[in-house]
Protein backbone atom coordinates (compact mmCIF):
# COMPACT_ATOMS: atom_id res chain seq x y z
CA UNK A 1 -18.97 -13.55 -6.66
CA UNK A 2 -18.65 -15.80 -3.53
CA UNK A 3 -17.38 -13.96 -0.78
CA UNK A 4 -15.32 -17.27 0.56
CA UNK A 5 -11.48 -18.07 -0.43
CA UNK A 6 -11.10 -21.77 -0.97
CA UNK A 7 -7.11 -20.88 -0.09
CA UNK A 8 -6.13 -19.13 2.77
CA UNK A 9 -2.32 -20.21 3.12
CA UNK A 10 -1.50 -16.54 1.56
CA UNK A 11 -2.45 -12.78 2.06
CA UNK A 12 -4.68 -11.12 -0.72
CA UNK A 13 -3.83 -7.68 -0.81
CA UNK A 14 -5.86 -5.00 -2.69
CA UNK A 15 -3.70 -2.58 -4.49
CA UNK A 16 -5.00 0.91 -4.59
CA UNK A 17 -8.77 -0.69 -3.83
CA UNK A 18 -9.71 -1.90 -7.27
CA UNK A 19 -8.07 0.29 -9.89
CA UNK A 20 -9.41 -1.86 -12.79
CA UNK A 21 -13.26 -0.82 -11.80
CA UNK A 22 -12.83 2.03 -9.93
CA UNK A 23 -10.62 5.18 -9.77
CA UNK A 24 -7.81 4.08 -7.62
CA UNK A 25 -7.06 5.35 -4.45
CA UNK A 26 -10.77 6.72 -3.91
CA UNK A 27 -13.18 5.93 -1.08
CA UNK A 28 -15.67 4.33 -3.33
CA UNK A 29 -12.82 1.83 -4.46
CA UNK A 30 -12.16 1.29 -0.96
CA UNK A 31 -15.21 0.54 0.06
CA UNK A 32 -16.00 -2.23 -2.73
CA UNK A 33 -12.52 -3.53 -2.14
CA UNK A 34 -13.07 -3.96 1.70
CA UNK A 35 -16.28 -5.61 0.90
CA UNK A 36 -14.38 -8.71 -0.86
CA UNK A 37 -12.96 -11.32 1.07
CA UNK A 38 -9.24 -10.10 0.78
CA UNK A 39 -7.05 -9.94 3.88
CA UNK A 40 -5.74 -6.29 3.08
CA UNK A 41 -6.32 -3.02 1.75
CA UNK A 42 -3.26 -1.08 0.27
CA UNK A 43 -2.94 2.42 0.10
CA UNK A 44 -0.34 5.33 -0.40
CA UNK A 45 0.30 8.23 1.15
CA UNK A 46 1.47 12.08 0.83
CA UNK A 47 0.95 15.38 2.56
CA UNK A 48 -0.32 18.32 1.73
CA UNK A 49 0.96 21.91 1.68
CA UNK A 50 -0.91 22.73 4.81
CA UNK A 51 0.28 19.47 6.28
CA UNK A 52 -2.50 17.15 5.96
CA UNK A 53 -2.28 13.63 4.80
CA UNK A 54 -3.94 12.18 2.05
CA UNK A 55 -3.89 9.14 0.15
CA UNK A 56 -2.56 9.17 -3.84
CA UNK A 57 -0.12 6.95 -5.44
CA UNK A 58 1.89 9.57 -7.24
CA UNK A 59 3.29 13.04 -5.92
CA UNK A 60 1.83 14.82 -8.57
CA UNK A 61 -1.95 15.20 -9.32
CA UNK A 62 -1.81 14.98 -13.06
CA UNK A 63 -2.39 11.28 -14.10
CA UNK A 64 -5.31 10.86 -11.89
CA UNK A 65 -7.06 14.49 -11.55
CA UNK A 66 -7.99 17.30 -14.05
CA UNK A 67 -5.31 19.24 -11.91
CA UNK A 68 -1.56 19.76 -12.39
CA UNK A 69 1.45 19.87 -9.83
CA UNK A 70 2.56 18.81 -6.69
CA UNK A 71 0.87 17.34 -3.87
CA UNK A 72 2.71 18.98 -1.55
CA UNK A 73 2.10 22.75 -3.49
CA UNK A 74 -1.54 22.29 -2.63
CA UNK A 75 -3.45 22.80 0.58
CA UNK A 76 -6.04 19.96 1.08
CA UNK A 77 -9.21 22.58 0.20
CA UNK A 78 -7.30 23.28 -2.68
CA UNK A 79 -6.90 19.52 -3.80
CA UNK A 80 -10.80 18.72 -2.78
CA UNK A 81 -11.61 21.02 -5.81
CA UNK A 82 -10.24 18.57 -8.32
CA UNK A 83 -11.98 15.70 -10.02
CA UNK A 84 -10.56 12.68 -9.31
CA UNK A 85 -12.82 9.97 -10.96
CA UNK A 86 -13.17 11.08 -14.72
CA UNK A 87 -9.76 9.96 -15.66
CA UNK A 88 -10.88 6.31 -15.09
CA UNK A 89 -14.93 7.04 -16.08
CA UNK A 90 -17.24 9.98 -16.52
CA UNK A 91 -19.36 7.69 -14.22
CA UNK A 92 -17.13 8.64 -11.05
CA UNK A 93 -17.08 12.83 -11.74
CA UNK A 94 -16.15 14.47 -9.24
CA UNK A 95 -14.88 11.90 -6.77
CA UNK A 96 -12.59 13.54 -4.54
CA UNK A 97 -8.84 12.98 -3.30
CA UNK A 98 -9.42 10.98 -0.01
CA UNK A 99 -7.64 12.21 3.43
CA UNK A 100 -6.36 9.95 5.32
CA UNK A 101 -9.06 10.24 8.19
CA UNK A 102 -11.53 9.64 5.67
CA UNK A 103 -9.71 6.18 4.91
CA UNK A 104 -9.31 5.17 8.54
CA UNK A 105 -12.83 5.88 9.06
CA UNK A 106 -14.23 3.52 6.66
CA UNK A 107 -11.38 1.01 7.68
CA UNK A 108 -12.20 0.95 11.25
CA UNK A 109 -15.75 -0.48 10.43
CA UNK A 110 -13.35 -3.28 8.93
CA UNK A 111 -12.16 -6.50 9.87
CA UNK A 112 -9.28 -6.03 7.00
CA UNK A 113 -5.81 -4.85 7.74
CA UNK A 114 -4.47 -1.67 6.10
CA UNK A 115 -1.10 -1.70 4.09
CA UNK A 116 0.19 1.66 4.39
CA UNK A 117 3.01 2.66 1.51
CA UNK A 118 5.01 6.27 2.68
CA UNK A 119 5.64 7.51 -0.79
CA UNK A 120 8.77 9.72 -1.52
CA UNK A 121 8.78 10.26 2.20
CA UNK A 122 12.08 12.65 2.00
CA UNK A 123 9.96 15.38 0.24
CA UNK A 124 7.80 15.11 3.55
CA UNK A 125 9.68 15.81 6.50
CA UNK A 126 8.19 14.48 9.91
CA UNK A 127 5.60 11.74 7.99
CA UNK A 128 6.20 9.23 9.51
CA UNK A 129 5.21 11.06 13.14
CA UNK A 130 2.24 12.06 11.41
CA UNK A 131 0.98 8.84 10.02
CA UNK A 132 1.77 7.09 13.55
CA UNK A 133 -0.03 10.12 15.69
CA UNK A 134 -3.29 9.73 13.43
CA UNK A 135 -3.43 5.69 13.65
CA UNK A 136 -3.21 6.42 17.49
CA UNK A 137 -5.78 9.06 17.14
CA UNK A 138 -7.97 6.62 15.49
CA UNK A 139 -6.73 3.64 17.99
CA UNK A 140 -6.47 1.53 15.31
CA UNK A 141 -5.12 -2.02 16.54
CA UNK A 142 -1.48 -2.45 15.80
CA UNK A 143 -2.56 -6.13 14.38
CA UNK A 144 -4.15 -4.02 11.61
CA UNK A 145 -1.28 -2.02 10.44
CA UNK A 146 1.70 -3.02 8.43
CA UNK A 147 3.73 0.40 7.09
CA UNK A 148 6.13 0.02 4.23
CA UNK A 149 8.10 1.87 1.61
CA UNK A 150 10.53 1.94 -0.68
CA UNK A 151 12.82 3.96 1.34
CA UNK A 152 14.73 2.06 3.88
CA UNK A 153 15.41 5.07 6.06
CA UNK A 154 11.78 5.94 6.51
CA UNK A 155 11.67 2.16 7.50
CA UNK A 156 14.37 2.35 9.91
CA UNK A 157 13.37 5.73 11.35
CA UNK A 158 9.89 3.91 12.57
CA UNK A 159 12.09 1.20 13.61
CA UNK A 160 14.08 3.52 15.97
CA UNK A 161 10.67 5.02 17.15
CA UNK A 162 9.74 1.57 18.55
CA UNK A 163 6.19 1.87 16.53
CA UNK A 164 4.13 -1.23 17.49
CA UNK A 165 3.18 -1.98 13.92
CA UNK A 166 4.63 -4.27 11.57
CA UNK A 167 6.96 -2.88 9.06
CA UNK A 168 8.30 -3.93 5.67
CA UNK A 169 10.87 -2.80 2.80
CA UNK A 170 9.90 -2.64 -0.83
CA UNK A 171 11.97 -3.34 -3.54
CA UNK A 172 12.24 -2.48 -6.93
CA UNK A 173 12.76 -4.26 -9.88
CA UNK A 174 15.11 -1.64 -11.22
CA UNK A 175 17.37 -1.59 -8.44
CA UNK A 176 17.39 -5.30 -7.72
CA UNK A 177 17.50 -7.01 -11.01
CA UNK A 178 21.19 -8.01 -10.92
CA UNK A 179 21.63 -7.98 -7.42
CA UNK A 180 20.18 -9.61 -4.28
CA UNK A 181 18.58 -6.91 -1.56
CA UNK A 182 20.56 -7.25 1.96
CA UNK A 183 17.90 -9.71 3.44
CA UNK A 184 19.22 -9.47 6.74
CA UNK A 185 19.95 -5.51 7.43
CA UNK A 186 16.27 -5.26 6.18
CA UNK A 187 15.79 -8.10 8.91
CA UNK A 188 17.15 -6.06 11.69
CA UNK A 189 14.14 -3.21 11.07
CA UNK A 190 11.33 -5.04 9.13
CA UNK A 191 9.12 -7.80 9.32
CA UNK A 192 8.09 -7.88 5.62
CA UNK A 193 10.40 -7.70 2.05
CA UNK A 194 8.02 -6.80 -0.43
CA UNK A 195 9.50 -7.05 -4.08
CA UNK A 196 8.37 -6.58 -7.53
CA UNK A 197 7.00 -10.26 -8.31
CA UNK A 198 9.14 -10.50 -11.36
CA UNK A 199 12.17 -10.83 -9.12
CA UNK A 200 10.80 -13.98 -6.80
CA UNK A 201 12.24 -17.02 -7.09
CA UNK A 202 13.16 -20.02 -5.04
CA UNK A 203 16.64 -18.39 -4.05
CA UNK A 204 14.69 -15.52 -3.20
CA UNK A 205 12.61 -17.17 -1.08
CA UNK A 206 14.75 -19.03 0.77
CA UNK A 207 17.28 -16.03 1.81
CA UNK A 208 14.09 -13.97 3.01
CA UNK A 209 12.73 -17.05 5.07
CA UNK A 210 16.02 -17.95 6.77
CA UNK A 211 16.12 -14.07 8.30
CA UNK A 212 12.31 -14.81 9.38
CA UNK A 213 11.05 -12.45 6.68
CA UNK A 214 7.44 -12.89 5.15
CA UNK A 215 7.47 -11.74 1.12
CA UNK A 216 4.53 -10.64 -0.60
CA UNK A 217 4.96 -9.41 -4.21
CA UNK A 218 3.36 -6.57 -5.89
CA UNK A 219 1.84 -6.16 -8.32
CA UNK A 220 0.13 -9.66 -9.50
CA UNK A 221 -2.40 -9.31 -12.22
CA UNK A 222 -2.33 -12.88 -13.95
CA UNK A 223 -3.51 -16.17 -12.26
CA UNK A 224 -0.56 -18.33 -13.71
CA UNK A 225 2.12 -15.74 -12.08
CA UNK A 226 -0.15 -15.86 -9.23
CA UNK A 227 0.46 -19.61 -9.00
CA UNK A 228 3.74 -19.81 -9.67
CA UNK A 229 4.26 -17.05 -6.52
CA UNK A 230 1.63 -19.83 -4.61
CA UNK A 231 3.98 -22.31 -5.18
CA UNK A 232 6.84 -20.37 -3.94
CA UNK A 233 5.24 -20.13 -0.60
CA UNK A 234 4.84 -16.14 -0.73
CA UNK A 235 3.44 -15.08 2.42
CA UNK A 236 0.80 -12.43 0.11
CA UNK A 237 -0.08 -11.33 -3.06
CA UNK A 238 -0.59 -7.64 -3.83
CA UNK A 239 -3.00 -7.05 -6.88
CA UNK A 240 -5.21 -4.71 -8.47
CA UNK A 241 -7.92 -7.58 -9.25
CA UNK A 242 -8.02 -9.05 -5.99
CA UNK A 243 -11.76 -10.03 -6.99
CA UNK A 244 -10.68 -12.04 -10.09
CA UNK A 245 -7.73 -13.64 -8.38
């Protein structure tokens, strides 16, 4: 596998690590992703019953572990007892849910940027400050972090805090298939508008770039779709298969 990219006009983002080959949002997946010629690693954050930041996509542990229930209803110690690897392959039995600290520790040894999605922040009062405080504790340079969420108010809260990190608003296909986002309002608080790839077209790109918003569509797992987006001059591609693209 080559460790070089032939075209660096756009950013290549590893979505949840390498979920095609490893359990998503796990340390083993992140370590292999960070060894690739990617530009960013995308992760998802929730917090536990005892207010510990953990990395997982869903707000429940049902899909990716041998347990059931809401992340916020378990302590970190309880969550660490579940198997977060076997759902993908028995080879990854007993892979644990990562803490944000554990991810920051391995990320700090890398030159890659971290794209952090705050999941369902309305369920976790104060999560924005917790994340920012943790980034400061680890002395992560502001140039190595982007914070994003589907929740406009969460990103607005971060903007009002004058955080030194770039911010992004995620845009869903369900909400914006028949209407356009408010590009101007998003540009007032954020640097990125990151949409479902299927709603990106020339008009979308023009609207975004007029407001000086960068565009990084998700989740692009087809090379033909990737080429279309690159031809539209997207600023990045979020993908489950960065090694293949």
